[in-house]
Protein backbone atom coordinates (compact mmCIF):
# COMPACT_ATOMS: atom_id res chain seq x y z
CA UNK A 1 -33.90 10.63 3.32
CA UNK A 2 -32.61 7.83 1.08
CA UNK A 3 -32.68 5.42 4.03
CA UNK A 4 -36.29 6.34 4.78
CA UNK A 5 -37.14 5.99 1.09
CA UNK A 6 -35.60 2.50 0.97
CA UNK A 7 -37.48 1.45 4.10
CA UNK A 8 -40.77 2.69 2.66
CA UNK A 9 -40.05 0.93 -0.63
CA UNK A 10 -39.37 -2.34 1.21
CA UNK A 11 -42.50 -1.94 3.32
CA UNK A 12 -44.58 -1.32 0.20
CA UNK A 13 -43.11 -4.43 -1.41
CA UNK A 14 -44.01 -6.56 1.62
CA UNK A 15 -47.54 -5.18 1.83
CA UNK A 16 -48.12 -5.74 -1.88
CA UNK A 17 -46.73 -9.29 -1.90
CA UNK A 18 -50.24 -10.86 -1.78
CA UNK A 19 -51.06 -8.90 -4.95
CA UNK A 20 -47.86 -10.18 -6.56
CA UNK A 21 -49.00 -13.73 -5.80
CA UNK A 22 -52.55 -13.18 -7.08
CA UNK A 23 -51.30 -11.53 -10.26
CA UNK A 24 -48.11 -13.51 -10.65
CA UNK A 25 -48.37 -13.51 -14.45
CA UNK A 26 -48.13 -9.72 -14.46
CA UNK A 27 -45.70 -9.10 -11.61
CA UNK A 28 -43.47 -12.18 -11.77
CA UNK A 29 -42.38 -11.35 -15.31
CA UNK A 30 -38.72 -10.45 -15.29
CA UNK A 31 -38.47 -10.81 -11.51
CA UNK A 32 -34.84 -11.97 -11.59
CA UNK A 33 -33.93 -9.11 -13.90
CA UNK A 34 -35.65 -6.65 -11.58
CA UNK A 35 -33.36 -7.95 -8.84
CA UNK A 36 -30.37 -7.13 -11.04
CA UNK A 37 -29.71 -10.63 -12.40
CA UNK A 38 -29.40 -10.25 -16.17
CA UNK A 39 -28.25 -12.48 -19.03
CA UNK A 40 -24.65 -12.13 -20.15
CA UNK A 41 -23.79 -8.79 -21.77
CA UNK A 42 -20.38 -8.79 -23.42
CA UNK A 43 -18.64 -5.40 -23.46
CA UNK A 44 -16.53 -4.48 -26.48
CA UNK A 45 -15.14 -1.08 -25.51
CA UNK A 46 -17.93 0.97 -27.06
CA UNK A 47 -19.90 3.45 -24.96
CA UNK A 48 -23.34 2.34 -23.79
CA UNK A 49 -26.54 4.40 -24.02
CA UNK A 50 -29.27 3.14 -21.66
CA UNK A 51 -32.79 4.23 -22.65
CA UNK A 52 -35.54 3.63 -20.09
CA UNK A 53 -39.25 3.59 -21.00
CA UNK A 54 -41.90 2.85 -18.38
CA UNK A 55 -44.67 1.18 -20.36
CA UNK A 56 -46.30 0.94 -23.78
CA UNK A 57 -46.85 4.68 -24.19
CA UNK A 58 -43.24 5.66 -23.55
CA UNK A 59 -41.95 2.72 -25.59
CA UNK A 60 -44.04 3.73 -28.59
CA UNK A 61 -42.95 7.35 -28.15
CA UNK A 62 -39.30 6.29 -28.19
CA UNK A 63 -39.49 4.85 -31.73
CA UNK A 64 -38.20 7.95 -33.57
CA UNK A 65 -35.60 8.57 -30.86
CA UNK A 66 -34.23 5.03 -31.13
CA UNK A 67 -33.93 5.36 -34.91
CA UNK A 68 -32.06 8.67 -34.60
CA UNK A 69 -29.77 7.35 -31.85
CA UNK A 70 -28.74 4.46 -34.09
CA UNK A 71 -28.07 6.89 -36.96
CA UNK A 72 -26.35 9.65 -34.97
CA UNK A 73 -24.31 7.47 -32.60
CA UNK A 74 -23.30 4.43 -34.67
CA UNK A 75 -20.24 3.79 -32.48
CA UNK A 76 -22.35 3.49 -29.31
CA UNK A 77 -24.31 0.52 -28.03
CA UNK A 78 -27.99 1.00 -27.18
CA UNK A 79 -29.81 -0.88 -24.44
CA UNK A 80 -33.51 -0.44 -23.60
CA UNK A 81 -35.35 -1.14 -20.35
CA UNK A 82 -39.01 -1.03 -19.38
CA UNK A 83 -40.92 -1.27 -16.12
CA UNK A 84 -44.14 -3.01 -17.15
CA UNK A 85 -44.73 -6.40 -18.76
CA UNK A 86 -46.68 -4.86 -21.65
CA UNK A 87 -43.92 -2.33 -22.23
CA UNK A 88 -41.38 -5.13 -22.25
CA UNK A 89 -43.35 -7.16 -24.78
CA UNK A 90 -43.62 -4.17 -27.09
CA UNK A 91 -39.95 -3.23 -26.68
CA UNK A 92 -38.88 -6.79 -27.47
CA UNK A 93 -41.05 -6.65 -30.57
CA UNK A 94 -39.96 -3.28 -32.00
CA UNK A 95 -36.42 -2.79 -30.63
CA UNK A 96 -34.86 -6.27 -30.50
CA UNK A 97 -33.20 -5.73 -33.89
CA UNK A 98 -31.99 -2.23 -32.96
CA UNK A 99 -30.90 -2.54 -29.32
CA UNK A 100 -28.06 -4.65 -27.93
CA UNK A 101 -30.26 -5.63 -24.99
CA UNK A 102 -33.92 -5.23 -23.99
CA UNK A 103 -34.66 -5.95 -20.33
CA UNK A 104 -36.60 -5.04 -17.20
CA UNK A 105 -35.61 -1.99 -15.14
CA UNK A 106 -34.25 -2.97 -11.70
CA UNK A 107 -36.15 -2.51 -8.46
CA UNK A 108 -35.03 0.75 -6.85
CA UNK A 109 -32.97 -0.85 -4.08
CA UNK A 110 -29.27 -0.17 -3.82
CA UNK A 111 -28.21 -3.80 -4.38
CA UNK A 112 -30.37 -4.36 -7.49
CA UNK A 113 -29.50 -0.99 -9.01
CA UNK A 114 -25.78 -1.54 -8.46
CA UNK A 115 -25.97 -4.99 -10.04
CA UNK A 116 -27.64 -3.51 -13.11
CA UNK A 117 -25.17 -0.64 -13.43
CA UNK A 118 -22.12 -2.89 -13.05
CA UNK A 119 -23.59 -5.38 -15.50
CA UNK A 120 -24.36 -2.94 -18.32
CA UNK A 121 -21.87 -0.16 -17.47
CA UNK A 122 -23.85 2.70 -19.08
CA UNK A 123 -22.13 5.95 -20.00
CA UNK A 124 -25.44 7.79 -20.23
CA UNK A 125 -28.97 7.03 -19.03
CA UNK A 126 -31.94 8.48 -20.93
CA UNK A 127 -35.16 8.54 -18.92
CA UNK A 128 -38.30 8.96 -21.02
CA UNK A 129 -40.84 11.46 -19.70
CA UNK A 130 -39.48 12.20 -16.21
CA UNK A 131 -39.03 8.74 -14.73
CA UNK A 132 -37.64 9.71 -11.33
CA UNK A 133 -36.22 6.74 -9.40
CA UNK A 134 -34.23 8.22 -6.49
CA UNK A 135 -31.84 5.35 -5.76
CA UNK A 136 -31.17 4.63 -9.42
CA UNK A 137 -30.36 8.25 -10.23
CA UNK A 138 -28.06 8.53 -7.21
CA UNK A 139 -26.20 5.29 -7.93
CA UNK A 140 -25.92 6.04 -11.66
CA UNK A 141 -24.32 9.38 -10.83
CA UNK A 142 -21.88 7.73 -8.43
CA UNK A 143 -21.12 5.12 -11.09
CA UNK A 144 -20.15 7.92 -13.48
CA UNK A 145 -23.06 7.84 -15.91
CA UNK A 146 -24.79 10.99 -17.08
CA UNK A 147 -28.52 11.14 -16.28
CA UNK A 148 -30.72 12.81 -18.89
CA UNK A 149 -34.47 13.31 -18.92
CA UNK A 150 -35.77 13.14 -22.51
CA UNK A 151 -39.22 14.20 -23.68
CA UNK A 152 -39.75 15.31 -20.09
CA UNK A 153 -43.14 16.36 -18.83
CA UNK A 154 -44.53 17.28 -15.42
CA UNK A 155 -48.25 17.85 -15.05
CA UNK A 156 -49.60 20.47 -12.67
CA UNK A 157 -50.91 17.64 -10.51
CA UNK A 158 -47.51 15.90 -10.37
CA UNK A 159 -45.79 19.19 -9.60
CA UNK A 160 -48.12 19.71 -6.66
CA UNK A 161 -47.35 16.22 -5.33
CA UNK A 162 -43.61 16.72 -5.73
CA UNK A 163 -43.87 20.02 -3.88
CA UNK A 164 -44.95 18.21 -0.70
CA UNK A 165 -41.53 16.52 -0.59
CA UNK A 166 -39.61 19.29 -2.31
CA UNK A 167 -36.40 18.89 -0.27
CA UNK A 168 -36.08 15.23 -1.17
CA UNK A 169 -37.04 15.85 -4.82
CA UNK A 170 -34.44 18.62 -5.04
CA UNK A 171 -31.80 16.22 -3.70
CA UNK A 172 -32.83 13.53 -6.19
CA UNK A 173 -32.87 15.93 -9.14
CA UNK A 174 -29.37 17.11 -8.29
CA UNK A 175 -28.31 13.89 -10.04
CA UNK A 176 -29.81 15.06 -13.36
CA UNK A 177 -27.22 16.34 -15.84
CA UNK A 178 -29.67 17.50 -18.50
CA UNK A 179 -33.46 17.87 -18.63
CA UNK A 180 -34.94 17.98 -22.13
CA UNK A 181 -38.53 19.07 -21.54
CA UNK A 182 -41.53 19.17 -23.86
CA UNK A 183 -42.67 22.75 -23.31
CA UNK A 184 -42.12 25.91 -21.27
CA UNK A 185 -44.48 24.83 -18.48
CA UNK A 186 -42.57 21.57 -18.04
CA UNK A 187 -39.31 23.52 -17.99
CA UNK A 188 -40.64 25.92 -15.38
CA UNK A 189 -41.88 23.09 -13.17
CA UNK A 190 -38.62 21.15 -13.20
CA UNK A 191 -36.65 24.33 -12.59
CA UNK A 192 -38.83 25.05 -9.54
CA UNK A 193 -38.12 21.53 -8.30
CA UNK A 194 -34.39 22.11 -8.36
CA UNK A 195 -32.82 21.54 -11.78
CA UNK A 196 -30.61 24.56 -12.67
CA UNK A 197 -31.82 26.58 -15.64
CA UNK A 198 -28.55 25.99 -17.54
CA UNK A 199 -29.30 22.25 -17.51
CA UNK A 200 -32.79 22.62 -18.98
CA UNK A 201 -33.67 22.64 -22.70
CA UNK A 202 -37.10 22.91 -24.31
CA UNK A 203 -37.04 20.42 -27.18
CA UNK A 204 -40.73 19.78 -27.92
CA UNK A 205 -42.63 16.52 -27.80
CA UNK A 206 -41.02 13.54 -29.55
CA UNK A 207 -44.45 11.96 -29.99
CA UNK A 208 -45.16 14.49 -32.75
CA UNK A 209 -42.34 12.85 -34.74
CA UNK A 210 -44.04 9.45 -34.85
CA UNK A 211 -44.61 7.96 -38.30
CA UNK A 212 -46.67 5.01 -39.50
CA UNK A 213 -44.13 2.38 -40.55
CA UNK A 214 -44.41 -0.40 -43.13
CA UNK A 215 -44.99 -3.13 -40.55
CA UNK A 216 -47.92 -1.21 -39.09
CA UNK A 217 -49.38 -0.69 -42.56
CA UNK A 218 -49.24 -4.45 -43.06
CA UNK A 219 -51.01 -5.03 -39.72
CA UNK A 220 -53.65 -2.47 -40.74
CA UNK A 221 -54.39 -4.33 -43.96
CA UNK A 222 -54.48 -7.67 -42.14
CA UNK A 223 -57.07 -6.25 -39.73
CA UNK A 224 -59.06 -4.76 -42.61
CA UNK A 225 -59.20 -8.08 -44.44
CA UNK A 226 -59.77 -10.26 -41.39
CA UNK A 227 -62.62 -8.23 -39.87
CA UNK A 228 -64.07 -6.89 -43.11
CA UNK A 229 -63.97 -3.24 -42.10
CA UNK A 230 -65.62 -1.01 -44.70
CA UNK A 231 -67.24 2.39 -45.21
CA UNK A 232 -70.63 0.68 -45.01
CA UNK A 233 -69.93 -0.39 -41.43
CA UNK A 234 -68.09 2.55 -39.94
CA UNK A 235 -65.75 1.80 -37.05
CA UNK A 236 -65.52 3.53 -33.68
CA UNK A 237 -62.34 2.79 -31.72
CA UNK A 238 -62.32 3.15 -27.93
CA UNK A 239 -58.60 3.34 -27.17
CA UNK A 240 -56.71 2.78 -23.92
CA UNK A 241 -59.86 2.59 -21.84
CA UNK A 242 -60.02 2.31 -18.05
CA UNK A 243 -62.65 0.99 -15.66
CA UNK A 244 -65.57 1.96 -15.82
CA UNK A 245 -65.21 3.64 -19.21
CA UNK A 246 -65.88 0.46 -21.19
CA UNK A 247 -69.41 0.14 -19.80
CA UNK A 248 -70.18 3.77 -20.60
CA UNK A 249 -68.78 3.44 -24.11
CA UNK A 250 -70.65 0.20 -24.84
CA UNK A 251 -73.91 1.63 -23.45
CA UNK A 252 -73.42 4.72 -25.63
CA UNK A 253 -72.66 2.55 -28.63
CA UNK A 254 -75.88 0.60 -28.02
CA UNK A 255 -77.89 3.82 -28.33
CA UNK A 256 -76.13 4.75 -31.57
CA UNK A 257 -76.37 1.23 -32.98
CA UNK A 258 -80.12 1.04 -32.37
CA UNK A 259 -80.71 4.44 -34.00
CA UNK A 260 -78.73 4.03 -37.21
CA UNK A 261 -79.84 2.15 -40.30
CA UNK A 262 -76.23 1.62 -41.38
CA UNK A 263 -74.92 -0.27 -38.37
CA UNK A 264 -71.53 0.87 -37.03
CA UNK A 265 -68.96 -1.38 -35.37
CA UNK A 266 -66.92 -0.89 -32.22
CA UNK A 267 -63.36 -1.87 -31.32
CA UNK A 268 -62.42 -1.66 -27.64
CA UNK A 269 -58.76 -1.59 -26.56
CA UNK A 270 -58.44 -1.67 -22.73
CA UNK A 271 -55.34 0.04 -21.33
CA UNK A 272 -54.45 -2.85 -19.00
CA UNK A 273 -54.21 -6.45 -20.30
CA UNK A 274 -55.26 -7.96 -16.97
CA UNK A 275 -58.73 -6.50 -17.60
CA UNK A 276 -59.29 -8.16 -20.98
CA UNK A 277 -61.58 -10.89 -19.60
CA UNK A 278 -63.49 -8.41 -17.45
CA UNK A 279 -64.11 -6.13 -20.42
CA UNK A 280 -65.17 -9.07 -22.59
CA UNK A 281 -67.83 -9.92 -19.98
CA UNK A 282 -69.08 -6.31 -19.99
CA UNK A 283 -69.48 -6.40 -23.76
CA UNK A 284 -71.22 -9.79 -23.82
CA UNK A 285 -73.79 -8.62 -21.26
CA UNK A 286 -75.00 -6.02 -23.76
CA UNK A 287 -75.93 -8.74 -26.23
CA UNK A 288 -73.45 -7.66 -28.91
CA UNK A 289 -71.57 -10.32 -30.85
CA UNK A 290 -67.91 -10.21 -29.81
CA UNK A 291 -64.60 -11.52 -31.11
CA UNK A 292 -61.12 -11.21 -29.64
CA UNK A 293 -58.27 -10.08 -31.87
CA UNK A 294 -55.98 -12.68 -30.26
CA UNK A 295 -58.34 -15.56 -31.12
CA UNK A 296 -57.84 -17.83 -34.10
CA UNK A 297 -59.20 -16.28 -37.27
CA UNK A 298 -62.71 -17.41 -38.21
CA UNK A 299 -65.74 -16.43 -40.30
CA UNK A 300 -67.25 -14.83 -37.18
CA UNK A 301 -64.63 -12.08 -37.36
CA UNK A 302 -66.42 -10.29 -40.21
CA UNK A 303 -69.84 -10.66 -38.56
CA UNK A 304 -68.96 -9.46 -35.06
CA UNK A 305 -70.31 -6.06 -34.03
CA UNK A 306 -67.65 -5.54 -31.36
CA UNK A 307 -63.96 -6.46 -31.48
CA UNK A 308 -61.86 -6.65 -28.33
CA UNK A 309 -58.25 -5.72 -29.07
CA UNK A 310 -56.51 -8.03 -26.61
CA UNK A 311 -53.14 -8.12 -28.36
CA UNK A 312 -50.18 -5.89 -27.46
CA UNK A 313 -48.69 -3.26 -29.75
CA UNK A 314 -51.36 -3.23 -32.48
CA UNK A 315 -53.50 -0.26 -31.46
CA UNK A 316 -51.55 2.20 -33.63
CA UNK A 317 -52.26 0.01 -36.65
CA UNK A 318 -56.00 0.04 -35.94
CA UNK A 319 -56.41 3.83 -36.00
CA UNK A 320 -56.35 4.18 -39.82
CA UNK A 321 -59.42 1.93 -39.98
CA UNK A 322 -61.53 4.11 -37.68
CA UNK A 323 -63.94 6.95 -38.37
CA UNK A 324 -63.96 8.08 -34.73
CA UNK A 325 -61.41 7.48 -31.97
CA UNK A 326 -62.36 7.91 -28.33
CA UNK A 327 -59.20 8.22 -26.20
CA UNK A 328 -59.67 6.66 -22.79
CA UNK A 329 -58.55 7.50 -19.28
CA UNK A 330 -60.33 10.80 -19.80
CA UNK A 331 -63.84 10.16 -18.47
CA UNK A 332 -62.32 9.56 -15.03
CA UNK A 333 -59.70 11.59 -13.13
CA UNK A 334 -56.86 9.41 -14.48
CA UNK A 335 -55.82 12.24 -16.80
CA UNK A 336 -56.18 10.77 -20.26
CA UNK A 337 -54.03 8.79 -22.68
CA UNK A 338 -52.10 9.77 -25.80
CA UNK A 339 -54.11 11.68 -28.43
CA UNK A 340 -51.21 12.03 -30.87
CA UNK A 341 -51.30 8.52 -32.32
CA UNK A 342 -54.89 8.79 -33.65
CA UNK A 343 -54.02 12.33 -34.79
CA UNK A 344 -51.18 10.88 -36.87
CA UNK A 345 -53.82 8.81 -38.68
CA UNK A 346 -55.93 11.94 -39.28
CA UNK A 347 -58.94 10.79 -37.30
CA UNK A 348 -61.77 12.57 -35.49
CA UNK A 349 -60.76 12.38 -31.83
CA UNK A 350 -63.06 12.50 -28.81
CA UNK A 351 -61.93 12.71 -25.18
CA UNK A 352 -63.54 13.12 -21.80
CA UNK A 353 -62.98 16.14 -19.53
CA UNK A 354 -59.94 14.75 -17.68
CA UNK A 355 -56.86 15.26 -19.85
CA UNK A 356 -54.30 16.77 -17.47
CA UNK A 357 -51.66 14.16 -18.43
CA UNK A 358 -51.57 15.72 -21.91
CA UNK A 359 -52.79 19.22 -21.14
CA UNK A 360 -50.49 21.06 -23.58
CA UNK A 361 -51.34 18.82 -26.53
CA UNK A 362 -55.07 18.86 -25.76
CA UNK A 363 -55.06 22.66 -25.47
CA UNK A 364 -53.35 22.97 -28.85
CA UNK A 365 -55.84 20.60 -30.46
CA UNK A 366 -58.84 22.38 -28.96
CA UNK A 367 -57.51 25.75 -30.10
CA UNK A 368 -57.14 24.42 -33.65
CA UNK A 369 -60.54 22.68 -33.62
CA UNK A 370 -58.89 19.29 -33.98
CA UNK A 371 -60.56 17.57 -31.05
CA UNK A 372 -63.92 17.20 -29.32
CA UNK A 373 -63.71 17.26 -25.53
CA UNK A 374 -66.81 16.17 -23.68
CA UNK A 375 -67.89 18.19 -20.63
CA UNK A 376 -67.90 16.76 -17.14
CA UNK A 377 -71.24 15.21 -16.20
CA UNK A 378 -72.67 14.70 -12.73
CA UNK A 379 -74.19 11.26 -13.28
CA UNK A 380 -73.43 8.20 -15.40
CA UNK A 381 -76.58 8.45 -17.52
CA UNK A 382 -75.64 11.97 -18.61
CA UNK A 383 -72.15 10.80 -19.57
CA UNK A 384 -73.58 7.96 -21.66
CA UNK A 385 -76.04 10.32 -23.35
CA UNK A 386 -73.31 12.86 -24.14
CA UNK A 387 -71.06 10.22 -25.67
CA UNK A 388 -73.84 8.68 -27.76
CA UNK A 389 -74.95 12.04 -29.14
CA UNK A 390 -71.37 12.90 -30.09
CA UNK A 391 -70.81 9.55 -31.80
CA UNK A 392 -74.13 9.79 -33.65
CA UNK A 393 -73.42 13.31 -34.89
CA UNK A 394 -69.93 12.45 -36.11
CA UNK A 395 -71.11 9.31 -37.88
CA UNK A 396 -73.78 11.34 -39.66
CA UNK A 397 -71.47 14.26 -40.49
CA UNK A 398 -68.49 13.10 -42.59
CA UNK A 399 -67.51 16.72 -43.25
CA UNK A 400 -67.04 17.34 -39.52
CA UNK A 401 -65.01 14.14 -39.17
CA UNK A 402 -62.79 15.15 -42.08
CA UNK A 403 -62.39 18.67 -40.67
CA UNK A 404 -61.28 17.37 -37.26
CA UNK A 405 -58.94 14.80 -38.79
CA UNK A 406 -57.32 17.26 -41.20
CA UNK A 407 -56.71 19.75 -38.40
CA UNK A 408 -55.18 17.01 -36.27
CA UNK A 409 -52.78 16.08 -39.07
CA UNK A 410 -51.82 19.74 -39.52
CA UNK A 411 -50.93 20.06 -35.83
CA UNK A 412 -48.79 16.92 -36.02
CA UNK A 413 -46.84 18.27 -38.99
CA UNK A 414 -46.42 21.74 -37.46
CA UNK A 415 -44.90 20.39 -34.25
CA UNK A 416 -42.35 17.93 -35.61
CA UNK A 417 -38.65 18.24 -34.91
CA UNK A 418 -38.28 17.36 -31.22
CA UNK A 419 -36.23 14.26 -31.96
CA UNK A 420 -33.65 16.29 -33.86
CA UNK A 421 -33.41 18.86 -31.08
CA UNK A 422 -32.98 16.02 -28.58
CA UNK A 423 -30.16 14.44 -30.58
CA UNK A 424 -28.42 17.83 -30.91
CA UNK A 425 -28.53 18.24 -27.12
CA UNK A 426 -27.21 14.72 -26.53
CA UNK A 427 -24.29 15.31 -28.89
CA UNK A 428 -23.09 18.06 -26.56
CA UNK A 429 -22.66 15.71 -23.61
CA UNK A 430 -21.76 12.38 -25.26
């Protein structure tokens, strides 16, 4: 099966090579590292902990874990890898002073994986949120490293997909030494896929342990001063949006903007950086004045109705400025993005109907009346109307906004502790 997997991986690489060329800025980043060619890493006899985060979401989620690893294992070295360019940029920004190396995860071929393992010589590999790379897990096990899933989650949809290749998945998961899962459903799924029950722990979701740090508070104040955010011009944030959500959000915002005497403002943060220009064009076509957060500061910043957040790693710092946060990836069957970061800021959160990527968290928030989830609509015009009515109501009802935000903060506080449970479990095998 591993041979077939490698052949399919190679075939996929060849077929996607035109895309790599067209989007070379995105895919060429770290290419040599992905092949297993890394800068010098001098070993000093200390054990090495390798933490892998896929992209921005996992990298942000790893913040409390990285801090606790440095505190609890001071005699170990920590290295951090990411898969995506945006994840790498964020990891370099927030972990470069805490990790001994920050680099790109290798392509899942035997030669590149072996190069990486022999270069860094990890004693343990921590995979954030069920990153299952068959060749890497197999080679890491052969190399002698322990493989641990941390903050693991498996959605019902992912479980169904894995079930189609259950024999291969079972073989791959035989290389897992410990699976630290977010909740009982995740534990049940990974047990059904082949991880023995004695190697599974339910530790909770590390994302509940996130805190707003001093650097983010400074960024928040810089944004407040630069763009002139105030209670008189209430801000709606559309976070981690996907195509075609931006058009629906902007069309909804137009309806609200035209209705209200006190004009609100909108900040749009697309999930994928390669879409920044596309989203800017969508916004301009509506006639709204627009500024980009990455542009040089000017007097237009305070006058613009819409701000495009086209800088990496600053979304968390924007949430405290908002009155309403719409969390993207949820109006389409993508499955939604992280609702816990705006909850940490105590904001009124709105999502679409598709939230299966975060089903447990969304269910808890709905049960505690800490979230508004829009129903599924048959046509685009109905979706736009539903969003606009929700935004208008929340802008006109500060008590409802405060109620939702306070409940969200309560849930965050009630579910903290996963990082400590994770560290306790790691101490048993390190």
